Amino acid sequence: MATAKTEQPAVNAARFVTVELAATMTGLSAAAIRKRTERGVWLEGKEWRRGPDGRVWIDTKGIEAWVLQKSGMA
């Protein structure tokens, strides 16, 4: 009996992710991420954006640039 080969779906990394997913990806807590956005450590339009529904979306490229800039590598 021949086994059928199953194709795996391709998954692309998303640029904008929810606070909860960003927490999982970075190791920070969701509360720590929210504090960074509320206190202006991460700036709206750079490290995060608000969607049309009012939900906060974390910009993974913005966070990457922030980390590199803070470490002097940018």
Protein backbone atom coordinates (compact mmCIF):
# COMPACT_ATOMS: atom_id res chain seq x y z
CA MET A 1 0.00 0.00 0.00
CA ALA A 2 1.47 3.33 -1.05
CA THR A 3 1.31 6.23 1.36
CA ALA A 4 0.18 9.57 0.05
CA LYS A 5 2.55 12.44 0.58
CA THR A 6 0.89 15.25 2.49
CA GLU A 7 1.99 18.75 1.70
CA GLN A 8 2.58 21.03 4.64
CA PRO A 9 1.07 24.50 4.34
CA ALA A 10 3.53 27.35 4.01
CA VAL A 11 3.42 29.75 6.92
CA ASN A 12 4.88 33.23 6.65
CA ALA A 13 5.83 35.26 9.68
CA ALA A 14 3.41 38.11 10.29
CA ARG A 15 4.77 41.61 10.66
CA PHE A 16 1.97 42.74 12.96
CA VAL A 17 1.00 40.46 15.84
CA THR A 18 -1.28 40.68 18.86
CA VAL A 19 0.14 41.62 22.25
CA GLU A 20 -0.35 38.03 23.39
CA LEU A 21 1.55 36.56 20.45
CA ALA A 22 4.29 39.17 20.82
CA ALA A 23 4.61 38.07 24.45
CA THR A 24 5.10 34.47 23.37
CA MET A 25 7.59 35.47 20.68
CA THR A 26 9.69 37.77 22.88
CA GLY A 27 9.48 36.19 26.30
CA LEU A 28 8.08 39.41 27.74
CA SER A 29 4.76 39.29 29.54
CA ALA A 30 1.71 40.83 27.89
CA ALA A 31 1.60 43.29 30.80
CA ALA A 32 5.20 44.36 30.14
CA ILE A 33 4.40 44.94 26.48
CA ARG A 34 1.32 46.99 27.37
CA LYS A 35 3.40 49.09 29.80
CA ARG A 36 5.96 49.81 27.08
CA THR A 37 3.20 51.07 24.79
CA GLU A 38 1.40 53.06 27.51
CA ARG A 39 4.56 54.72 28.84
CA GLY A 40 5.85 55.62 25.38
CA VAL A 41 8.89 53.36 25.49
CA TRP A 42 7.51 51.81 22.31
CA LEU A 43 6.01 54.48 20.07
CA GLU A 44 2.77 54.28 18.13
CA GLY A 45 3.59 54.14 14.43
CA LYS A 46 7.06 52.70 15.10
CA GLU A 47 6.88 49.72 17.44
CA TRP A 48 3.11 49.32 17.52
CA ARG A 49 -0.05 50.44 15.74
CA ARG A 50 -3.73 50.59 16.49
CA GLY A 51 -5.93 48.73 14.03
CA PRO A 52 -9.20 50.07 12.60
CA ASP A 53 -11.01 48.16 15.34
CA GLY A 54 -8.94 49.85 18.07
CA ARG A 55 -6.86 46.77 18.84
CA VAL A 56 -3.13 47.17 19.48
CA TRP A 57 -0.84 45.40 17.02
CA ILE A 58 2.86 45.00 17.73
CA ASP A 59 5.16 45.63 14.77
CA THR A 60 7.81 42.89 14.86
CA LYS A 61 10.08 44.82 12.49
CA GLY A 62 9.70 47.92 14.67
CA ILE A 63 10.64 45.96 17.79
CA GLU A 64 13.63 44.46 15.99
CA ALA A 65 14.82 47.94 14.99
CA TRP A 66 14.27 49.17 18.57
CA VAL A 67 16.40 46.36 19.99
CA LEU A 68 19.19 46.98 17.48
CA GLN A 69 19.11 50.74 18.08
CA LYS A 70 19.21 50.35 21.86
CA SER A 71 22.13 47.93 21.64
CA GLY A 72 24.09 50.27 19.36
CA MET A 73 23.96 47.91 16.38
CA ALA A 74 21.73 50.03 14.10
